[in-house]
ModelCIF file with pLDDT and N, C-alpha, C, O atoms, coordinates in Angstrom:
data_MODEL
#
_entry.id   MODEL 
#
_entity.id                         1 
_entity.type                       polymer 
_entity.pdbx_number_of_molecules   1 
#
_entity_poly.entity_id                      1 
_entity_poly.type                           'polypeptide(L)' 
_entity_poly.nstd_linkage                   no 
_entity_poly.nstd_monomer                   no 
_entity_poly.pdbx_seq_one_letter_code       MHWTRILGIALLVGGAILLWMGFSATETISEDI 
_entity_poly.pdbx_seq_one_letter_code_can   MHWTRILGIALLVGGAILLWMGFSATETISEDI 
_entity_poly.pdbx_strand_id                 A 
#
loop_
_entity_poly_seq.entity_id 
_entity_poly_seq.num 
_entity_poly_seq.mon_id 
_entity_poly_seq.hetero 
1 1  MET n 
1 2  HIS n 
1 3  TRP n 
1 4  THR n 
1 5  ARG n 
1 6  ILE n 
1 7  LEU n 
1 8  GLY n 
1 9  ILE n 
1 10 ALA n 
1 11 LEU n 
1 12 LEU n 
1 13 VAL n 
1 14 GLY n 
1 15 GLY n 
1 16 ALA n 
1 17 ILE n 
1 18 LEU n 
1 19 LEU n 
1 20 TRP n 
1 21 MET n 
1 22 GLY n 
1 23 PHE n 
1 24 SER n 
1 25 ALA n 
1 26 THR n 
1 27 GLU n 
1 28 THR n 
1 29 ILE n 
1 30 SER n 
1 31 GLU n 
1 32 ASP n 
1 33 ILE n 
#
_struct_asym.id          A 
_struct_asym.entity_id   1 
#
loop_
_ma_qa_metric.id 
_ma_qa_metric.mode 
_ma_qa_metric.name 
_ma_qa_metric.software_group_id 
_ma_qa_metric.type 
1 global pLDDT . pLDDT 
2 local  pLDDT . pLDDT 
#
_ma_qa_metric_global.metric_id      1 
_ma_qa_metric_global.metric_value   93.18 
_ma_qa_metric_global.model_id       1 
_ma_qa_metric_global.ordinal_id     1 
#
loop_
_ma_qa_metric_local.label_asym_id 
_ma_qa_metric_local.label_comp_id 
_ma_qa_metric_local.label_seq_id 
_ma_qa_metric_local.metric_id 
_ma_qa_metric_local.metric_value 
_ma_qa_metric_local.model_id 
_ma_qa_metric_local.ordinal_id 
A MET 1  2 75.00 1 1  
A HIS 2  2 86.00 1 2  
A TRP 3  2 89.00 1 3  
A THR 4  2 91.00 1 4  
A ARG 5  2 91.00 1 5  
A ILE 6  2 93.00 1 6  
A LEU 7  2 95.00 1 7  
A GLY 8  2 95.00 1 8  
A ILE 9  2 96.00 1 9  
A ALA 10 2 97.00 1 10 
A LEU 11 2 97.00 1 11 
A LEU 12 2 97.00 1 12 
A VAL 13 2 97.00 1 13 
A GLY 14 2 97.00 1 14 
A GLY 15 2 97.00 1 15 
A ALA 16 2 97.00 1 16 
A ILE 17 2 97.00 1 17 
A LEU 18 2 97.00 1 18 
A LEU 19 2 97.00 1 19 
A TRP 20 2 97.00 1 20 
A MET 21 2 96.00 1 21 
A GLY 22 2 94.00 1 22 
A PHE 23 2 94.00 1 23 
A SER 24 2 94.00 1 24 
A ALA 25 2 92.00 1 25 
A THR 26 2 91.00 1 26 
A GLU 27 2 91.00 1 27 
A THR 28 2 91.00 1 28 
A ILE 29 2 93.00 1 29 
A SER 30 2 91.00 1 30 
A GLU 31 2 90.00 1 31 
A ASP 32 2 89.00 1 32 
A ILE 33 2 91.00 1 33 
#
loop_
_atom_site.group_PDB 
_atom_site.id 
_atom_site.type_symbol 
_atom_site.label_atom_id 
_atom_site.label_alt_id 
_atom_site.label_comp_id 
_atom_site.label_asym_id 
_atom_site.label_entity_id 
_atom_site.label_seq_id 
_atom_site.pdbx_PDB_ins_code 
_atom_site.Cartn_x 
_atom_site.Cartn_y 
_atom_site.Cartn_z 
_atom_site.occupancy 
_atom_site.B_iso_or_equiv 
_atom_site.pdbx_formal_charge 
_atom_site.auth_seq_id 
_atom_site.auth_comp_id 
_atom_site.auth_asym_id 
_atom_site.auth_atom_id 
_atom_site.pdbx_PDB_model_num 
ATOM 1   N N  . MET A 1 1  ? 20.836  -17.145 17.875  1.00 75.00 ? 1  MET A N  1 
ATOM 2   C CA . MET A 1 1  ? 20.621  -16.497 16.611  1.00 75.00 ? 1  MET A CA 1 
ATOM 3   C C  . MET A 1 1  ? 21.485  -15.235 16.565  1.00 75.00 ? 1  MET A C  1 
ATOM 4   O O  . MET A 1 1  ? 21.538  -14.469 17.527  1.00 75.00 ? 1  MET A O  1 
ATOM 5   N N  . HIS A 1 2  ? 22.139  -15.039 15.466  1.00 86.00 ? 2  HIS A N  1 
ATOM 6   C CA . HIS A 1 2  ? 23.048  -13.911 15.299  1.00 86.00 ? 2  HIS A CA 1 
ATOM 7   C C  . HIS A 1 2  ? 22.251  -12.622 15.127  1.00 86.00 ? 2  HIS A C  1 
ATOM 8   O O  . HIS A 1 2  ? 21.127  -12.649 14.626  1.00 86.00 ? 2  HIS A O  1 
ATOM 9   N N  . TRP A 1 3  ? 22.831  -11.486 15.544  1.00 89.00 ? 3  TRP A N  1 
ATOM 10  C CA . TRP A 1 3  ? 22.113  -10.213 15.530  1.00 89.00 ? 3  TRP A CA 1 
ATOM 11  C C  . TRP A 1 3  ? 21.754  -9.770  14.123  1.00 89.00 ? 3  TRP A C  1 
ATOM 12  O O  . TRP A 1 3  ? 20.759  -9.068  13.943  1.00 89.00 ? 3  TRP A O  1 
ATOM 13  N N  . THR A 1 4  ? 22.533  -10.160 13.115  1.00 91.00 ? 4  THR A N  1 
ATOM 14  C CA . THR A 1 4  ? 22.199  -9.744  11.754  1.00 91.00 ? 4  THR A CA 1 
ATOM 15  C C  . THR A 1 4  ? 20.936  -10.435 11.257  1.00 91.00 ? 4  THR A C  1 
ATOM 16  O O  . THR A 1 4  ? 20.166  -9.859  10.488  1.00 91.00 ? 4  THR A O  1 
ATOM 17  N N  . ARG A 1 5  ? 20.728  -11.658 11.696  1.00 91.00 ? 5  ARG A N  1 
ATOM 18  C CA . ARG A 1 5  ? 19.488  -12.344 11.309  1.00 91.00 ? 5  ARG A CA 1 
ATOM 19  C C  . ARG A 1 5  ? 18.280  -11.734 12.001  1.00 91.00 ? 5  ARG A C  1 
ATOM 20  O O  . ARG A 1 5  ? 17.209  -11.624 11.406  1.00 91.00 ? 5  ARG A O  1 
ATOM 21  N N  . ILE A 1 6  ? 18.451  -11.337 13.256  1.00 93.00 ? 6  ILE A N  1 
ATOM 22  C CA . ILE A 1 6  ? 17.358  -10.682 13.974  1.00 93.00 ? 6  ILE A CA 1 
ATOM 23  C C  . ILE A 1 6  ? 17.019  -9.357  13.293  1.00 93.00 ? 6  ILE A C  1 
ATOM 24  O O  . ILE A 1 6  ? 15.845  -9.034  13.108  1.00 93.00 ? 6  ILE A O  1 
ATOM 25  N N  . LEU A 1 7  ? 18.046  -8.593  12.922  1.00 95.00 ? 7  LEU A N  1 
ATOM 26  C CA . LEU A 1 7  ? 17.825  -7.341  12.196  1.00 95.00 ? 7  LEU A CA 1 
ATOM 27  C C  . LEU A 1 7  ? 17.160  -7.614  10.847  1.00 95.00 ? 7  LEU A C  1 
ATOM 28  O O  . LEU A 1 7  ? 16.280  -6.865  10.423  1.00 95.00 ? 7  LEU A O  1 
ATOM 29  N N  . GLY A 1 8  ? 17.575  -8.670  10.183  1.00 95.00 ? 8  GLY A N  1 
ATOM 30  C CA . GLY A 1 8  ? 16.978  -9.036  8.901   1.00 95.00 ? 8  GLY A CA 1 
ATOM 31  C C  . GLY A 1 8  ? 15.508  -9.378  9.029   1.00 95.00 ? 8  GLY A C  1 
ATOM 32  O O  . GLY A 1 8  ? 14.699  -8.987  8.186   1.00 95.00 ? 8  GLY A O  1 
ATOM 33  N N  . ILE A 1 9  ? 15.156  -10.108 10.080  1.00 96.00 ? 9  ILE A N  1 
ATOM 34  C CA . ILE A 1 9  ? 13.752  -10.456 10.309  1.00 96.00 ? 9  ILE A CA 1 
ATOM 35  C C  . ILE A 1 9  ? 12.939  -9.189  10.578  1.00 96.00 ? 9  ILE A C  1 
ATOM 36  O O  . ILE A 1 9  ? 11.830  -9.039  10.065  1.00 96.00 ? 9  ILE A O  1 
ATOM 37  N N  . ALA A 1 10 ? 13.495  -8.276  11.387  1.00 97.00 ? 10 ALA A N  1 
ATOM 38  C CA . ALA A 1 10 ? 12.791  -7.029  11.685  1.00 97.00 ? 10 ALA A CA 1 
ATOM 39  C C  . ALA A 1 10 ? 12.592  -6.195  10.420  1.00 97.00 ? 10 ALA A C  1 
ATOM 40  O O  . ALA A 1 10 ? 11.516  -5.635  10.207  1.00 97.00 ? 10 ALA A O  1 
ATOM 41  N N  . LEU A 1 11 ? 13.625  -6.111  9.583   1.00 97.00 ? 11 LEU A N  1 
ATOM 42  C CA . LEU A 1 11 ? 13.498  -5.360  8.333   1.00 97.00 ? 11 LEU A CA 1 
ATOM 43  C C  . LEU A 1 11 ? 12.513  -6.018  7.376   1.00 97.00 ? 11 LEU A C  1 
ATOM 44  O O  . LEU A 1 11 ? 11.758  -5.327  6.692   1.00 97.00 ? 11 LEU A O  1 
ATOM 45  N N  . LEU A 1 12 ? 12.516  -7.321  7.321   1.00 97.00 ? 12 LEU A N  1 
ATOM 46  C CA . LEU A 1 12 ? 11.591  -8.034  6.444   1.00 97.00 ? 12 LEU A CA 1 
ATOM 47  C C  . LEU A 1 12 ? 10.148  -7.808  6.881   1.00 97.00 ? 12 LEU A C  1 
ATOM 48  O O  . LEU A 1 12 ? 9.279   -7.560  6.045   1.00 97.00 ? 12 LEU A O  1 
ATOM 49  N N  . VAL A 1 13 ? 9.889   -7.890  8.172   1.00 97.00 ? 13 VAL A N  1 
ATOM 50  C CA . VAL A 1 13 ? 8.532   -7.666  8.688   1.00 97.00 ? 13 VAL A CA 1 
ATOM 51  C C  . VAL A 1 13 ? 8.123   -6.208  8.488   1.00 97.00 ? 13 VAL A C  1 
ATOM 52  O O  . VAL A 1 13 ? 7.009   -5.925  8.046   1.00 97.00 ? 13 VAL A O  1 
ATOM 53  N N  . GLY A 1 14 ? 9.031   -5.283  8.816   1.00 97.00 ? 14 GLY A N  1 
ATOM 54  C CA . GLY A 1 14 ? 8.735   -3.870  8.609   1.00 97.00 ? 14 GLY A CA 1 
ATOM 55  C C  . GLY A 1 14 ? 8.495   -3.535  7.146   1.00 97.00 ? 14 GLY A C  1 
ATOM 56  O O  . GLY A 1 14 ? 7.596   -2.759  6.823   1.00 97.00 ? 14 GLY A O  1 
ATOM 57  N N  . GLY A 1 15 ? 9.288   -4.114  6.268   1.00 97.00 ? 15 GLY A N  1 
ATOM 58  C CA . GLY A 1 15 ? 9.105   -3.900  4.837   1.00 97.00 ? 15 GLY A CA 1 
ATOM 59  C C  . GLY A 1 15 ? 7.782   -4.457  4.334   1.00 97.00 ? 15 GLY A C  1 
ATOM 60  O O  . GLY A 1 15 ? 7.125   -3.846  3.491   1.00 97.00 ? 15 GLY A O  1 
ATOM 61  N N  . ALA A 1 16 ? 7.395   -5.610  4.851   1.00 97.00 ? 16 ALA A N  1 
ATOM 62  C CA . ALA A 1 16 ? 6.113   -6.197  4.458   1.00 97.00 ? 16 ALA A CA 1 
ATOM 63  C C  . ALA A 1 16 ? 4.954   -5.314  4.920   1.00 97.00 ? 16 ALA A C  1 
ATOM 64  O O  . ALA A 1 16 ? 3.967   -5.152  4.202   1.00 97.00 ? 16 ALA A O  1 
ATOM 65  N N  . ILE A 1 17 ? 5.074   -4.752  6.107   1.00 97.00 ? 17 ILE A N  1 
ATOM 66  C CA . ILE A 1 17 ? 4.025   -3.856  6.608   1.00 97.00 ? 17 ILE A CA 1 
ATOM 67  C C  . ILE A 1 17 ? 3.941   -2.601  5.742   1.00 97.00 ? 17 ILE A C  1 
ATOM 68  O O  . ILE A 1 17 ? 2.846   -2.166  5.387   1.00 97.00 ? 17 ILE A O  1 
ATOM 69  N N  . LEU A 1 18 ? 5.095   -2.016  5.399   1.00 97.00 ? 18 LEU A N  1 
ATOM 70  C CA . LEU A 1 18 ? 5.090   -0.838  4.537   1.00 97.00 ? 18 LEU A CA 1 
ATOM 71  C C  . LEU A 1 18 ? 4.513   -1.148  3.152   1.00 97.00 ? 18 LEU A C  1 
ATOM 72  O O  . LEU A 1 18 ? 3.768   -0.343  2.592   1.00 97.00 ? 18 LEU A O  1 
ATOM 73  N N  . LEU A 1 19 ? 4.856   -2.303  2.608   1.00 97.00 ? 19 LEU A N  1 
ATOM 74  C CA . LEU A 1 19 ? 4.290   -2.687  1.315   1.00 97.00 ? 19 LEU A CA 1 
ATOM 75  C C  . LEU A 1 19 ? 2.783   -2.848  1.396   1.00 97.00 ? 19 LEU A C  1 
ATOM 76  O O  . LEU A 1 19 ? 2.058   -2.416  0.499   1.00 97.00 ? 19 LEU A O  1 
ATOM 77  N N  . TRP A 1 20 ? 2.312   -3.465  2.464   1.00 97.00 ? 20 TRP A N  1 
ATOM 78  C CA . TRP A 1 20 ? 0.872   -3.626  2.649   1.00 97.00 ? 20 TRP A CA 1 
ATOM 79  C C  . TRP A 1 20 ? 0.189   -2.265  2.739   1.00 97.00 ? 20 TRP A C  1 
ATOM 80  O O  . TRP A 1 20 ? -0.864  -2.050  2.140   1.00 97.00 ? 20 TRP A O  1 
ATOM 81  N N  . MET A 1 21 ? 0.797   -1.347  3.493   1.00 96.00 ? 21 MET A N  1 
ATOM 82  C CA . MET A 1 21 ? 0.231   -0.002  3.613   1.00 96.00 ? 21 MET A CA 1 
ATOM 83  C C  . MET A 1 21 ? 0.223   0.705   2.261   1.00 96.00 ? 21 MET A C  1 
ATOM 84  O O  . MET A 1 21 ? -0.745  1.390   1.928   1.00 96.00 ? 21 MET A O  1 
ATOM 85  N N  . GLY A 1 22 ? 1.280   0.548   1.486   1.00 94.00 ? 22 GLY A N  1 
ATOM 86  C CA . GLY A 1 22 ? 1.346   1.168   0.168   1.00 94.00 ? 22 GLY A CA 1 
ATOM 87  C C  . GLY A 1 22 ? 0.321   0.604   -0.793  1.00 94.00 ? 22 GLY A C  1 
ATOM 88  O O  . GLY A 1 22 ? -0.336  1.354   -1.516  1.00 94.00 ? 22 GLY A O  1 
ATOM 89  N N  . PHE A 1 23 ? 0.179   -0.717  -0.806  1.00 94.00 ? 23 PHE A N  1 
ATOM 90  C CA . PHE A 1 23 ? -0.799  -1.325  -1.705  1.00 94.00 ? 23 PHE A CA 1 
ATOM 91  C C  . PHE A 1 23 ? -2.231  -0.983  -1.302  1.00 94.00 ? 23 PHE A C  1 
ATOM 92  O O  . PHE A 1 23 ? -3.091  -0.803  -2.164  1.00 94.00 ? 23 PHE A O  1 
ATOM 93  N N  . SER A 1 24 ? -2.492  -0.892  -0.006  1.00 94.00 ? 24 SER A N  1 
ATOM 94  C CA . SER A 1 24 ? -3.840  -0.508  0.404   1.00 94.00 ? 24 SER A CA 1 
ATOM 95  C C  . SER A 1 24 ? -4.098  0.967   0.109   1.00 94.00 ? 24 SER A C  1 
ATOM 96  O O  . SER A 1 24 ? -5.243  1.352   -0.127  1.00 94.00 ? 24 SER A O  1 
ATOM 97  N N  . ALA A 1 25 ? -3.052  1.803   0.117   1.00 92.00 ? 25 ALA A N  1 
ATOM 98  C CA . ALA A 1 25 ? -3.226  3.212   -0.216  1.00 92.00 ? 25 ALA A CA 1 
ATOM 99  C C  . ALA A 1 25 ? -3.516  3.406   -1.703  1.00 92.00 ? 25 ALA A C  1 
ATOM 100 O O  . ALA A 1 25 ? -4.163  4.384   -2.076  1.00 92.00 ? 25 ALA A O  1 
ATOM 101 N N  . THR A 1 26 ? -3.054  2.502   -2.551  1.00 91.00 ? 26 THR A N  1 
ATOM 102 C CA . THR A 1 26 ? -3.315  2.636   -3.983  1.00 91.00 ? 26 THR A CA 1 
ATOM 103 C C  . THR A 1 26 ? -4.773  2.382   -4.326  1.00 91.00 ? 26 THR A C  1 
ATOM 104 O O  . THR A 1 26 ? -5.224  2.736   -5.416  1.00 91.00 ? 26 THR A O  1 
ATOM 105 N N  . GLU A 1 27 ? -5.506  1.781   -3.419  1.00 91.00 ? 27 GLU A N  1 
ATOM 106 C CA . GLU A 1 27 ? -6.903  1.446   -3.676  1.00 91.00 ? 27 GLU A CA 1 
ATOM 107 C C  . GLU A 1 27 ? -7.882  2.535   -3.244  1.00 91.00 ? 27 GLU A C  1 
ATOM 108 O O  . GLU A 1 27 ? -9.090  2.360   -3.407  1.00 91.00 ? 27 GLU A O  1 
ATOM 109 N N  . THR A 1 28 ? -7.406  3.638   -2.706  1.00 91.00 ? 28 THR A N  1 
ATOM 110 C CA . THR A 1 28 ? -8.306  4.690   -2.261  1.00 91.00 ? 28 THR A CA 1 
ATOM 111 C C  . THR A 1 28 ? -8.806  5.500   -3.459  1.00 91.00 ? 28 THR A C  1 
ATOM 112 O O  . THR A 1 28 ? -8.191  5.508   -4.525  1.00 91.00 ? 28 THR A O  1 
ATOM 113 N N  . ILE A 1 29 ? -9.917  6.168   -3.260  1.00 93.00 ? 29 ILE A N  1 
ATOM 114 C CA . ILE A 1 29 ? -10.514 6.954   -4.343  1.00 93.00 ? 29 ILE A CA 1 
ATOM 115 C C  . ILE A 1 29 ? -9.600  8.105   -4.754  1.00 93.00 ? 29 ILE A C  1 
ATOM 116 O O  . ILE A 1 29 ? -9.448  8.390   -5.943  1.00 93.00 ? 29 ILE A O  1 
ATOM 117 N N  . SER A 1 30 ? -8.991  8.766   -3.768  1.00 91.00 ? 30 SER A N  1 
ATOM 118 C CA . SER A 1 30 ? -8.117  9.897   -4.107  1.00 91.00 ? 30 SER A CA 1 
ATOM 119 C C  . SER A 1 30 ? -6.906  9.445   -4.920  1.00 91.00 ? 30 SER A C  1 
ATOM 120 O O  . SER A 1 30 ? -6.471  10.152  -5.829  1.00 91.00 ? 30 SER A O  1 
ATOM 121 N N  . GLU A 1 31 ? -6.363  8.277   -4.600  1.00 90.00 ? 31 GLU A N  1 
ATOM 122 C CA . GLU A 1 31 ? -5.227  7.764   -5.382  1.00 90.00 ? 31 GLU A CA 1 
ATOM 123 C C  . GLU A 1 31 ? -5.667  7.353   -6.780  1.00 90.00 ? 31 GLU A C  1 
ATOM 124 O O  . GLU A 1 31 ? -4.924  7.545   -7.743  1.00 90.00 ? 31 GLU A O  1 
ATOM 125 N N  . ASP A 1 32 ? -6.867  6.790   -6.902  1.00 89.00 ? 32 ASP A N  1 
ATOM 126 C CA . ASP A 1 32 ? -7.371  6.435   -8.230  1.00 89.00 ? 32 ASP A CA 1 
ATOM 127 C C  . ASP A 1 32 ? -7.531  7.671   -9.104  1.00 89.00 ? 32 ASP A C  1 
ATOM 128 O O  . ASP A 1 32 ? -7.170  7.658   -10.281 1.00 89.00 ? 32 ASP A O  1 
ATOM 129 N N  . ILE A 1 33 ? -8.073  8.740   -8.525  1.00 91.00 ? 33 ILE A N  1 
ATOM 130 C CA . ILE A 1 33 ? -8.251  9.973   -9.291  1.00 91.00 ? 33 ILE A CA 1 
ATOM 131 C C  . ILE A 1 33 ? -6.898  10.567  -9.663  1.00 91.00 ? 33 ILE A C  1 
ATOM 132 O O  . ILE A 1 33 ? -6.840  11.611  -10.312 1.00 91.00 ? 33 ILE A O  1 
#
């Protein structure tokens, strides 16, 4: 597997984790207020 694909997989997983963290942060009471 080429290094760019490995980097792409890492960025995709990291981005998904950040998106999950962001969406879960939007559900807090302080963010709602």
